N, C-alpha and C. Protein backbone atom coordinates (compact mmCIF):
# COMPACT_ATOMS: atom_id res chain seq x y z
N MET A 1 81.43 59.29 87.16
CA MET A 1 81.98 60.25 87.02
C MET A 1 81.53 61.74 86.15
N ILE A 2 80.31 61.41 85.89
CA ILE A 2 79.22 62.64 85.75
C ILE A 2 79.16 62.93 87.01
N THR A 3 78.95 62.64 88.02
CA THR A 3 78.32 63.10 89.47
C THR A 3 79.80 64.15 89.70
N ASP A 4 81.13 63.44 89.59
CA ASP A 4 81.88 64.09 90.09
C ASP A 4 82.30 65.27 89.55
N LYS A 5 82.02 65.27 87.79
CA LYS A 5 82.06 66.42 87.15
C LYS A 5 81.25 67.20 87.68
N LEU A 6 79.92 66.95 87.78
CA LEU A 6 79.01 68.01 88.19
C LEU A 6 79.03 68.62 89.70
N LYS A 7 80.24 68.13 90.62
CA LYS A 7 80.08 68.42 91.74
C LYS A 7 81.20 69.70 91.31
N ALA A 8 82.53 69.21 90.58
CA ALA A 8 83.51 69.92 89.88
C ALA A 8 83.21 71.21 89.75
N LEU A 9 82.18 71.12 88.68
CA LEU A 9 81.26 72.44 88.09
C LEU A 9 80.98 73.21 88.96
N SER A 10 79.94 72.98 90.17
CA SER A 10 79.54 73.23 91.12
C SER A 10 80.03 74.14 91.90
N GLU A 11 81.38 73.79 91.89
CA GLU A 11 82.35 74.29 93.01
C GLU A 11 83.38 75.68 92.27
N ILE A 12 83.06 75.04 90.77
CA ILE A 12 83.91 76.54 89.97
C ILE A 12 82.51 77.67 90.12
N LEU A 13 81.62 77.50 89.80
CA LEU A 13 80.49 78.40 89.71
C LEU A 13 80.25 78.97 90.97
N GLU A 14 80.01 78.38 91.95
CA GLU A 14 80.39 78.94 93.44
C GLU A 14 81.59 79.58 93.85
N HIS A 15 82.88 79.45 93.51
CA HIS A 15 83.94 80.50 93.42
C HIS A 15 83.77 81.42 92.75
N SER A 16 83.07 81.51 91.57
CA SER A 16 83.15 82.77 90.52
C SER A 16 82.15 83.55 91.35
N SER A 17 81.62 82.81 91.95
CA SER A 17 80.38 83.90 92.46
C SER A 17 81.02 84.83 93.61
N GLN A 18 82.08 84.50 94.06
CA GLN A 18 82.98 85.49 94.83
C GLN A 18 83.90 86.40 94.13
N LEU A 19 83.81 86.45 92.73
CA LEU A 19 84.66 87.04 91.59
C LEU A 19 84.51 88.71 92.03
N VAL A 20 83.38 88.79 92.39
CA VAL A 20 82.93 90.41 91.94
C VAL A 20 83.31 91.23 93.50
N PRO A 21 84.03 92.41 93.24
CA PRO A 21 84.57 92.76 94.06
C PRO A 21 83.69 93.73 95.08
N GLN A 22 83.91 94.30 96.38
CA GLN A 22 82.78 94.40 97.22
C GLN A 22 82.85 96.32 96.39
N LEU A 23 81.65 96.50 96.23
CA LEU A 23 81.35 97.53 95.49
C LEU A 23 80.63 98.59 96.80
N ASN A 24 80.50 98.39 97.92
CA ASN A 24 79.86 99.53 98.47
C ASN A 24 80.07 100.90 98.56
N ASP A 25 79.15 101.93 98.26
CA ASP A 25 79.20 102.82 98.25
C ASP A 25 79.92 103.58 97.12
N VAL A 26 80.46 102.64 95.96
CA VAL A 26 80.92 102.76 94.69
C VAL A 26 80.26 104.05 94.05
N PHE A 27 79.23 103.74 93.46
CA PHE A 27 78.51 104.92 92.95
C PHE A 27 77.71 106.02 93.63
N PHE A 28 78.39 106.40 95.15
CA PHE A 28 78.16 107.49 95.63
C PHE A 28 79.65 108.29 96.02
N MET A 29 80.32 107.95 95.41
CA MET A 29 81.66 108.80 95.25
C MET A 29 81.40 110.24 95.34
N ASP A 30 82.29 111.37 96.07
CA ASP A 30 81.96 112.46 96.31
C ASP A 30 82.41 113.21 94.73
N ARG A 31 81.58 113.62 93.89
CA ARG A 31 82.05 113.88 92.26
C ARG A 31 82.42 115.69 92.57
N SER A 32 82.14 115.80 93.49
CA SER A 32 82.11 117.78 93.60
C SER A 32 83.69 117.91 93.47
N PHE A 33 83.68 119.34 93.26
CA PHE A 33 84.70 119.77 92.91
C PHE A 33 84.81 121.32 93.16
N SER A 34 85.23 121.67 93.87
CA SER A 34 85.32 123.27 94.33
C SER A 34 86.56 123.67 95.25
N PRO A 35 87.66 123.80 94.46
CA PRO A 35 88.55 124.53 94.97
C PRO A 35 88.62 125.88 95.12
N GLU A 36 89.10 126.66 96.27
CA GLU A 36 89.09 128.12 96.79
C GLU A 36 90.02 128.31 95.73
N ILE A 37 89.51 129.50 94.70
CA ILE A 37 90.08 130.06 93.81
C ILE A 37 89.54 131.43 94.00
N ASN A 38 90.48 132.45 93.85
CA ASN A 38 90.04 133.92 93.85
C ASN A 38 90.57 134.56 92.91
N GLU A 39 91.26 134.40 92.45
CA GLU A 39 91.62 134.79 90.82
C GLU A 39 91.13 134.72 89.67
N LYS A 40 90.39 135.51 89.19
CA LYS A 40 89.83 135.33 88.01
C LYS A 40 90.40 134.50 87.00
N SER A 41 92.14 135.08 86.89
CA SER A 41 92.94 134.51 85.88
C SER A 41 93.22 133.10 86.03
N TYR A 42 92.93 132.25 87.06
CA TYR A 42 92.53 131.19 87.43
C TYR A 42 91.85 130.31 86.74
N SER A 43 90.37 130.92 86.07
CA SER A 43 89.49 130.73 85.73
C SER A 43 89.54 129.18 84.58
N ASP A 44 90.06 129.43 83.45
CA ASP A 44 90.01 128.69 82.28
C ASP A 44 91.08 127.78 82.92
N ASN A 45 91.70 127.55 84.07
CA ASN A 45 92.61 126.88 84.25
C ASN A 45 92.30 125.78 85.24
N VAL A 46 91.04 126.13 86.18
CA VAL A 46 90.40 125.74 86.99
C VAL A 46 89.44 124.30 86.35
N TRP A 47 88.90 125.21 85.47
CA TRP A 47 88.07 123.90 84.45
C TRP A 47 88.25 123.16 83.86
N ARG A 48 89.83 123.70 83.22
CA ARG A 48 90.23 122.56 82.47
C ARG A 48 90.74 121.22 83.20
N LYS A 49 91.20 121.25 84.66
CA LYS A 49 91.36 120.78 85.24
C LYS A 49 90.11 119.79 85.86
N LYS A 50 88.98 120.54 86.22
CA LYS A 50 87.79 119.76 86.50
C LYS A 50 87.65 118.70 85.33
N SER A 51 87.44 119.09 84.19
CA SER A 51 87.30 118.03 83.07
C SER A 51 87.86 116.97 83.55
N LEU A 52 89.42 117.17 83.79
CA LEU A 52 90.00 115.88 84.02
C LEU A 52 89.64 115.16 85.29
N VAL A 53 89.24 115.56 86.51
CA VAL A 53 88.50 115.21 87.25
C VAL A 53 87.22 114.23 87.29
N GLU A 54 86.50 114.65 86.08
CA GLU A 54 85.64 114.06 86.04
C GLU A 54 85.83 112.96 84.83
N LEU A 55 86.91 113.02 84.03
CA LEU A 55 87.13 111.79 83.03
C LEU A 55 87.60 110.69 84.49
N ALA A 56 88.30 111.02 85.43
CA ALA A 56 88.75 109.83 86.29
C ALA A 56 87.27 109.13 86.69
N HIS A 57 86.55 110.24 87.13
CA HIS A 57 85.02 109.72 88.18
C HIS A 57 84.30 108.32 86.82
N ASP A 58 84.37 108.80 85.50
CA ASP A 58 83.69 108.33 84.34
C ASP A 58 84.19 107.38 84.30
N TYR A 59 85.32 106.88 84.38
CA TYR A 59 86.23 105.89 84.20
C TYR A 59 85.94 104.99 85.24
N GLN A 60 85.82 105.41 86.53
CA GLN A 60 85.53 104.75 87.98
C GLN A 60 84.45 104.24 87.80
N ASN A 61 83.16 104.78 87.69
CA ASN A 61 81.70 104.37 87.04
C ASN A 61 81.37 103.05 86.40
N LEU A 62 82.15 103.47 85.15
CA LEU A 62 82.25 102.38 83.82
C LEU A 62 82.68 101.20 84.67
N ALA A 63 83.73 101.13 85.00
CA ALA A 63 84.55 100.07 85.53
C ALA A 63 83.95 99.62 86.24
N ALA A 64 83.37 100.31 87.51
CA ALA A 64 82.11 99.33 88.82
C ALA A 64 80.95 99.04 88.24
N ASN A 65 80.66 99.61 87.35
CA ASN A 65 79.22 99.14 86.22
C ASN A 65 79.54 97.45 85.76
N TRP A 66 81.01 97.36 85.18
CA TRP A 66 81.46 96.42 84.47
C TRP A 66 81.39 95.31 85.58
N LEU A 67 82.11 95.62 86.46
CA LEU A 67 82.66 94.26 87.33
C LEU A 67 80.99 94.07 87.97
N HIS A 68 80.29 94.87 88.25
CA HIS A 68 78.70 94.65 88.88
C HIS A 68 77.94 93.50 87.97
N GLU A 69 78.17 93.74 86.54
CA GLU A 69 77.08 93.10 85.91
C GLU A 69 78.23 91.73 85.87
N ARG A 70 78.96 91.61 86.17
CA ARG A 70 79.81 90.26 85.90
C ARG A 70 80.06 89.53 84.65
N LYS A 71 80.30 90.05 83.80
CA LYS A 71 80.58 89.68 82.88
C LYS A 71 81.69 88.82 82.55
N VAL A 72 82.75 88.14 83.97
CA VAL A 72 83.55 87.57 83.83
C VAL A 72 83.06 86.10 84.07
N ASP A 73 81.69 86.14 84.53
CA ASP A 73 81.38 84.61 85.30
C ASP A 73 80.56 84.16 83.86
N GLU A 74 80.48 84.70 83.06
CA GLU A 74 79.94 83.94 81.45
C GLU A 74 81.55 83.54 81.08
N SER A 75 82.39 83.98 80.89
CA SER A 75 84.01 83.71 80.45
C SER A 75 84.59 82.24 81.05
N ILE A 76 84.71 82.37 82.49
CA ILE A 76 85.10 81.17 83.33
C ILE A 76 84.49 79.93 82.70
N LYS A 77 83.12 79.91 82.45
CA LYS A 77 82.79 78.33 82.21
C LYS A 77 83.38 77.65 81.28
N ILE A 78 84.16 78.56 80.66
CA ILE A 78 85.40 77.40 79.65
C ILE A 78 86.07 76.92 80.87
N PHE A 79 86.22 77.12 81.99
CA PHE A 79 86.93 75.80 82.41
C PHE A 79 86.17 75.25 82.47
N SER A 80 84.48 74.76 82.87
CA SER A 80 83.89 73.62 82.84
C SER A 80 84.00 72.70 81.30
N GLU A 81 84.71 73.37 79.97
CA GLU A 81 84.72 72.68 79.05
C GLU A 81 85.95 71.97 79.17
N LYS A 82 86.87 72.71 79.63
CA LYS A 82 88.30 71.79 79.93
C LYS A 82 88.52 70.97 80.88
N LEU A 83 87.26 71.09 81.53
CA LEU A 83 87.48 69.97 82.48
C LEU A 83 86.96 68.68 81.84
N ASP A 84 86.13 68.96 81.33
CA ASP A 84 85.02 67.55 80.66
C ASP A 84 86.25 67.35 79.72
N LEU A 85 86.86 67.94 78.84
CA LEU A 85 88.18 67.49 77.73
C LEU A 85 89.10 66.87 79.08
N ASN A 86 89.18 66.76 80.17
CA ASN A 86 90.10 66.41 80.98
C ASN A 86 91.69 67.40 80.48
N LEU A 87 91.40 68.78 79.87
CA LEU A 87 92.47 69.35 79.78
C LEU A 87 92.85 70.30 80.74
N ILE A 88 92.04 69.86 82.37
CA ILE A 88 92.27 71.05 83.42
C ILE A 88 92.20 70.32 84.58
N THR A 89 92.76 70.41 85.90
CA THR A 89 92.34 69.82 87.08
C THR A 89 91.48 70.40 87.84
N ILE A 90 90.57 70.08 88.81
CA ILE A 90 90.64 71.32 89.91
C ILE A 90 91.37 72.03 90.81
N ASP A 91 92.40 71.74 90.80
CA ASP A 91 93.34 72.30 91.41
C ASP A 91 94.06 73.48 90.33
N GLU A 92 94.35 72.93 89.34
CA GLU A 92 94.79 74.14 88.52
C GLU A 92 93.21 75.30 88.23
N ILE A 93 92.40 74.95 88.18
CA ILE A 93 91.11 75.93 88.03
C ILE A 93 91.09 76.81 89.35
N ALA A 94 91.50 76.37 90.48
CA ALA A 94 91.61 77.01 91.67
C ALA A 94 92.93 77.84 91.48
N LEU A 95 93.93 77.64 90.69
CA LEU A 95 95.01 78.27 90.99
C LEU A 95 94.38 79.65 89.66
N GLU A 96 94.06 79.31 88.74
CA GLU A 96 93.47 80.11 87.41
C GLU A 96 92.36 81.21 88.42
N LEU A 97 91.73 80.54 88.95
CA LEU A 97 90.56 81.37 89.68
C LEU A 97 91.17 82.38 90.66
N ASP A 98 92.40 82.24 91.56
CA ASP A 98 92.99 83.13 92.11
C ASP A 98 93.56 84.05 91.64
N VAL A 99 94.26 83.91 90.64
CA VAL A 99 94.72 85.02 89.52
C VAL A 99 94.07 85.76 89.05
N LEU A 100 92.66 85.15 89.04
CA LEU A 100 91.42 86.16 87.98
C LEU A 100 91.40 87.03 89.44
N GLN A 101 90.84 86.31 90.18
CA GLN A 101 90.44 86.97 91.58
C GLN A 101 91.42 88.71 91.76
N GLU A 102 92.64 88.07 91.61
CA GLU A 102 93.85 89.07 92.06
C GLU A 102 94.03 90.24 90.81
N TRP A 103 93.13 90.18 89.69
CA TRP A 103 92.94 91.20 88.54
C TRP A 103 91.74 92.04 89.05
N LEU A 104 90.71 91.52 89.08
CA LEU A 104 89.45 91.99 89.34
C LEU A 104 89.83 92.59 90.65
N ASP A 105 90.11 92.24 91.78
CA ASP A 105 90.77 93.38 92.90
C ASP A 105 91.72 94.64 92.54
N GLU A 106 92.55 94.24 91.87
CA GLU A 106 93.38 95.17 91.17
C GLU A 106 92.51 96.47 90.63
N ILE A 107 91.50 96.06 90.04
CA ILE A 107 90.85 96.69 89.15
C ILE A 107 89.98 97.55 89.90
N ASP A 108 89.41 97.10 90.75
CA ASP A 108 88.29 97.59 92.14
C ASP A 108 89.20 98.62 92.93
N HIS A 109 90.64 98.09 93.13
CA HIS A 109 91.36 99.16 93.83
C HIS A 109 91.91 100.48 93.10
N PHE A 110 92.46 100.21 91.88
CA PHE A 110 92.39 101.60 91.42
C PHE A 110 91.56 102.02 90.71
N MET A 111 90.73 101.55 90.53
CA MET A 111 88.97 102.59 89.81
C MET A 111 88.99 103.56 90.83
N MET A 112 89.15 103.17 92.47
CA MET A 112 88.47 104.02 93.28
C MET A 112 90.08 105.26 93.65
N LEU A 113 91.27 104.77 93.42
CA LEU A 113 92.08 105.33 93.61
C LEU A 113 92.34 106.58 92.85
N ILE A 114 92.07 106.51 91.45
CA ILE A 114 92.56 107.12 90.56
C ILE A 114 91.88 108.57 90.23
N PRO A 115 90.56 108.50 90.75
CA PRO A 115 89.55 109.82 90.46
C PRO A 115 90.20 110.81 91.76
N VAL A 116 90.23 109.90 93.00
CA VAL A 116 90.94 110.56 94.20
C VAL A 116 92.04 111.66 94.25
N LYS A 117 93.29 110.67 93.81
CA LYS A 117 94.52 111.06 93.72
C LYS A 117 94.41 112.06 92.93
N ILE A 118 93.62 112.35 91.32
CA ILE A 118 93.52 113.27 90.56
C ILE A 118 93.33 114.65 90.98
N LYS A 119 91.66 114.54 91.73
CA LYS A 119 91.11 115.16 92.18
C LYS A 119 92.25 115.92 93.14
N ARG A 120 92.99 115.16 94.36
CA ARG A 120 94.09 115.78 95.09
C ARG A 120 94.89 116.82 94.16
N ALA A 121 95.19 116.08 93.25
CA ALA A 121 96.50 116.64 92.62
C ALA A 121 95.97 118.57 92.20
N VAL A 122 94.47 117.97 91.60
CA VAL A 122 94.14 119.36 91.10
C VAL A 122 93.69 120.77 91.88
N THR A 123 93.14 119.89 92.90
CA THR A 123 92.91 121.01 94.05
C THR A 123 94.20 121.31 94.81
N SER A 124 94.96 120.75 95.09
CA SER A 124 96.39 121.00 95.49
C SER A 124 97.01 122.28 94.33
N SER A 125 97.00 121.78 93.27
CA SER A 125 97.42 122.72 92.38
C SER A 125 97.04 124.08 92.45
N CYS A 126 95.57 123.95 92.18
CA CYS A 126 94.85 125.26 92.07
C CYS A 126 95.21 126.31 93.41
N LYS A 127 95.22 125.38 94.66
CA LYS A 127 95.27 126.09 95.99
C LYS A 127 96.97 126.56 96.47
N GLN A 128 97.99 125.60 95.84
CA GLN A 128 99.21 125.80 96.85
C GLN A 128 100.18 125.98 96.14
N GLU A 129 100.32 125.91 94.63
CA GLU A 129 101.31 125.57 93.71
C GLU A 129 102.63 126.85 94.08
N ARG A 130 102.00 127.92 93.84
CA ARG A 130 102.67 129.11 94.05
C ARG A 130 103.59 129.35 95.46
N TRP A 131 102.84 128.88 96.70
CA TRP A 131 103.53 128.84 97.92
C TRP A 131 104.58 127.84 97.78
N GLU A 132 104.12 126.80 97.26
CA GLU A 132 105.79 125.31 97.13
C GLU A 132 106.92 126.15 96.37
N LEU A 133 106.31 126.53 95.28
CA LEU A 133 107.63 127.25 94.62
C LEU A 133 108.13 128.46 94.94
N GLU A 134 107.70 129.19 96.17
CA GLU A 134 108.05 130.21 96.40
C GLU A 134 109.11 129.96 97.65
N ASN A 135 108.89 128.47 97.95
CA ASN A 135 109.66 128.07 99.36
C ASN A 135 110.40 126.86 99.03
N GLY A 136 110.57 126.25 97.92
CA GLY A 136 111.80 125.55 97.09
C GLY A 136 111.31 124.21 97.42
N LEU A 137 109.74 124.02 97.33
CA LEU A 137 109.06 122.50 98.23
C LEU A 137 109.11 122.37 96.55
N PRO A 138 109.09 121.03 96.55
CA PRO A 138 108.39 119.63 95.59
C PRO A 138 106.66 119.98 95.59
N LYS A 139 106.05 120.39 94.42
CA LYS A 139 104.74 120.36 94.60
C LYS A 139 103.77 118.79 94.89
N ASP A 140 103.09 119.28 95.99
CA ASP A 140 102.34 118.05 96.16
C ASP A 140 101.48 117.95 95.11
N CYS A 141 101.18 118.54 94.35
CA CYS A 141 100.03 118.48 93.34
C CYS A 141 101.13 116.96 92.02
N ASP A 142 102.17 117.62 92.25
CA ASP A 142 102.80 116.37 91.15
C ASP A 142 103.00 115.09 91.92
N GLY A 143 103.43 114.92 93.32
CA GLY A 143 103.32 113.80 94.17
C GLY A 143 101.75 112.80 93.28
N SER A 144 100.85 113.65 93.79
CA SER A 144 99.57 113.27 93.86
C SER A 144 99.53 112.53 91.90
N ALA A 145 99.51 113.49 91.21
CA ALA A 145 99.71 112.88 90.07
C ALA A 145 100.10 111.85 89.52
N LYS A 146 101.89 111.80 90.26
CA LYS A 146 102.37 110.38 89.91
C LYS A 146 101.55 109.28 90.21
N ILE A 147 101.29 109.63 91.53
CA ILE A 147 100.44 108.01 91.90
C ILE A 147 99.41 107.63 90.92
N THR A 148 98.63 108.79 90.56
CA THR A 148 97.36 108.78 89.80
C THR A 148 98.34 108.00 88.15
N VAL A 149 99.62 108.28 88.06
CA VAL A 149 99.51 107.86 86.61
C VAL A 149 99.96 106.14 86.61
N LEU A 150 100.83 106.13 87.48
CA LEU A 150 101.34 104.77 88.23
C LEU A 150 100.06 103.56 88.60
N ALA A 151 98.92 104.26 88.91
CA ALA A 151 97.43 103.67 89.13
C ALA A 151 97.08 103.14 87.73
N ILE A 152 97.18 104.07 86.85
CA ILE A 152 96.57 104.32 85.68
C ILE A 152 97.50 103.16 84.81
N ASP A 153 98.94 102.97 85.09
CA ASP A 153 99.84 102.63 84.25
C ASP A 153 99.47 100.77 84.75
N ARG A 154 99.30 100.31 86.01
CA ARG A 154 98.84 99.26 86.68
C ARG A 154 97.51 98.80 86.06
N SER A 155 96.50 99.44 85.60
CA SER A 155 95.05 99.26 85.32
C SER A 155 95.14 98.74 84.08
N ILE A 156 96.09 99.88 83.05
CA ILE A 156 96.08 99.02 82.04
C ILE A 156 97.03 97.58 81.87
N GLU A 157 98.01 97.45 82.63
CA GLU A 157 98.66 96.38 82.56
C GLU A 157 97.17 94.71 82.47
N VAL A 158 96.62 95.26 83.62
CA VAL A 158 95.46 94.24 84.27
C VAL A 158 94.42 93.89 82.97
N TRP A 159 93.97 95.35 82.40
CA TRP A 159 93.30 95.20 81.31
C TRP A 159 93.97 94.09 80.56
N GLU A 160 95.10 94.50 80.34
CA GLU A 160 95.44 93.90 78.93
C GLU A 160 95.39 92.66 78.98
N LYS A 161 95.78 92.19 80.56
CA LYS A 161 95.86 90.68 80.86
C LYS A 161 94.39 90.16 80.59
N LEU A 162 93.50 90.75 81.22
CA LEU A 162 91.91 90.26 81.39
C LEU A 162 91.76 89.95 79.57
N MET A 163 92.31 90.96 78.42
CA MET A 163 92.17 90.64 77.26
C MET A 163 92.35 89.74 76.49
N ALA A 164 93.64 89.56 76.96
CA ALA A 164 94.81 88.20 76.49
C ALA A 164 93.90 86.98 77.24
N TYR A 165 93.41 87.18 78.06
CA TYR A 165 93.16 85.83 78.79
C TYR A 165 91.64 85.19 78.24
N PHE A 166 90.88 86.30 78.22
CA PHE A 166 89.53 86.30 77.60
C PHE A 166 88.85 87.11 76.38
N PRO A 167 89.72 86.36 75.13
CA PRO A 167 89.02 87.13 73.87
C PRO A 167 87.83 87.33 73.50
N GLN A 168 86.99 87.13 74.27
CA GLN A 168 86.03 87.51 74.32
C GLN A 168 85.12 88.94 74.82
N LEU A 169 85.92 89.45 75.72
CA LEU A 169 85.99 90.68 76.16
C LEU A 169 86.77 91.77 75.76
N GLU A 170 87.37 91.18 74.46
CA GLU A 170 88.24 92.43 73.97
C GLU A 170 87.65 93.74 73.78
N ASP A 171 86.01 93.83 73.27
CA ASP A 171 85.54 94.80 73.06
C ASP A 171 85.63 95.80 74.21
N ASP A 172 85.08 95.25 75.77
CA ASP A 172 85.28 96.39 76.75
C ASP A 172 86.42 96.26 77.34
N CYS A 173 87.50 95.59 76.95
CA CYS A 173 89.05 95.84 77.90
C CYS A 173 89.41 96.78 76.99
N LEU A 174 89.19 97.18 75.48
CA LEU A 174 89.99 97.87 74.65
C LEU A 174 89.26 99.21 75.15
N ASP A 175 87.47 99.29 75.31
CA ASP A 175 87.31 100.45 75.93
C ASP A 175 87.83 101.03 77.13
N PHE A 176 88.01 100.18 78.15
CA PHE A 176 89.09 100.57 79.11
C PHE A 176 90.15 100.90 79.03
N LEU A 177 90.96 100.69 78.07
CA LEU A 177 92.17 100.60 77.47
C LEU A 177 92.35 102.17 77.60
N VAL A 178 91.38 102.91 76.05
CA VAL A 178 91.55 103.90 75.55
C VAL A 178 91.13 104.70 76.48
N ARG A 179 90.39 104.65 77.18
CA ARG A 179 90.27 105.62 78.29
C ARG A 179 90.84 105.86 79.45
N LEU A 180 91.79 104.84 79.64
CA LEU A 180 93.09 105.09 80.77
C LEU A 180 94.15 105.72 79.92
N GLN A 181 94.36 105.07 78.70
CA GLN A 181 95.69 105.84 78.00
C GLN A 181 95.39 107.59 78.01
N HIS A 182 94.03 107.66 77.65
CA HIS A 182 93.80 108.61 77.00
C HIS A 182 93.99 109.78 78.82
N LEU A 183 93.50 109.08 79.48
CA LEU A 183 93.56 110.00 81.13
C LEU A 183 94.72 110.02 81.39
N LYS A 184 95.84 109.53 81.16
CA LYS A 184 97.13 109.43 81.54
C LYS A 184 97.74 110.52 80.64
N GLU A 185 97.48 110.63 79.42
CA GLU A 185 98.24 111.80 78.37
C GLU A 185 97.56 112.92 79.14
N LEU A 186 96.62 113.11 79.43
CA LEU A 186 95.97 114.60 79.89
C LEU A 186 96.61 114.73 81.02
N THR A 187 96.81 113.95 82.07
CA THR A 187 97.28 113.83 83.51
C THR A 187 98.62 114.38 83.03
N LEU A 188 99.27 113.86 82.62
CA LEU A 188 100.40 113.86 81.99
C LEU A 188 101.16 115.19 81.81
N LYS A 189 99.89 115.93 80.50
CA LYS A 189 100.06 116.71 80.05
C LYS A 189 99.78 118.14 80.85
N GLU A 190 98.77 118.33 82.06
CA GLU A 190 98.70 118.99 82.79
C GLU A 190 99.51 119.20 84.14
N PHE A 191 100.17 117.94 84.59
CA PHE A 191 101.24 117.84 85.28
C PHE A 191 102.71 117.39 84.59
N PRO A 192 103.61 118.28 84.02
CA PRO A 192 104.38 117.31 83.37
C PRO A 192 105.67 117.05 84.11
N ASN A 193 105.73 117.43 85.17
CA ASN A 193 106.72 117.05 86.30
C ASN A 193 106.34 115.81 87.16
N ALA A 194 105.56 115.71 87.05
CA ALA A 194 104.82 114.43 87.60
C ALA A 194 105.71 113.23 87.86
N MET A 195 106.20 112.85 86.81
CA MET A 195 107.17 111.44 87.03
C MET A 195 108.43 111.64 87.27
N ARG A 196 108.72 113.29 87.74
CA ARG A 196 110.29 113.21 88.28
C ARG A 196 109.98 113.72 89.84
N PHE A 197 108.96 113.69 90.25
CA PHE A 197 109.15 113.89 91.71
C PHE A 197 108.99 112.43 92.30
N ILE A 198 109.73 113.17 93.58
CA ILE A 198 110.34 111.86 94.47
C ILE A 198 109.89 111.78 95.52
N ARG A 199 109.47 110.44 95.55
CA ARG A 199 108.45 109.72 96.76
C ARG A 199 109.74 109.28 98.03
N PRO A 200 109.43 109.79 99.04
CA PRO A 200 110.57 109.20 99.86
C PRO A 200 110.20 107.63 100.41
N GLY A 201 111.17 107.19 100.42
CA GLY A 201 110.89 105.75 100.80
C GLY A 201 110.57 104.51 99.66
N PHE A 202 110.26 105.54 98.29
CA PHE A 202 109.24 104.69 97.36
C PHE A 202 110.54 104.86 95.90
N ASP A 203 110.74 105.87 95.69
CA ASP A 203 111.55 106.23 94.62
C ASP A 203 112.95 106.53 95.30
N GLN A 204 113.46 106.37 96.06
CA GLN A 204 114.75 106.52 96.78
C GLN A 204 114.85 105.81 97.60
N SER A 205 116.34 105.31 98.38
CA SER A 205 116.46 104.71 99.39
C SER A 205 116.68 105.55 100.49
N LEU A 206 116.23 105.64 101.87
CA LEU A 206 115.91 106.15 102.86
C LEU A 206 117.62 105.78 103.74
N ASP A 207 118.21 106.88 104.00
CA ASP A 207 119.34 107.36 104.66
C ASP A 207 119.12 106.82 106.18
């Protein structure tokens, strides 16, 4: 019986080693910001938006570090305790780990998407917003900002799930939640029409 338990625990820990997403080049993302603005009157606006991009990159780097530190590994050892008490089966553990993997994958995916989309929104706004307005077109910056907000919302949902599942990670999760909420508020302040942007095929049915 002890041998079986040790084998099961070994499988749990082996599975847990795969719970850290691939972070190739995540620390080497392009943090540059160089919109081609000639009018001096845009100066304050550009630098305000630059800080928004930097906040997004700060979240990305902190989240990447958190995943790299594998803090979840310690928390999933609760599975071995439940296994010893016959409160959970190996099959149930496998399902739990699959769900956890999905959450971490989502954090990994959206932490890279957020700065990319907010940078596109910012550079598009600085370069093209007057041309789009003059031609009666929806602004590309609003579309990118909307995707940013949706990615932030989904990230918030996942961090809240992690916090509820692993109370011992509450401080870490709360820090990310505060950062994301602040980033969302600033994005919506900078792009107040973002959520009214209609994405063909997503926000309306195709004729």
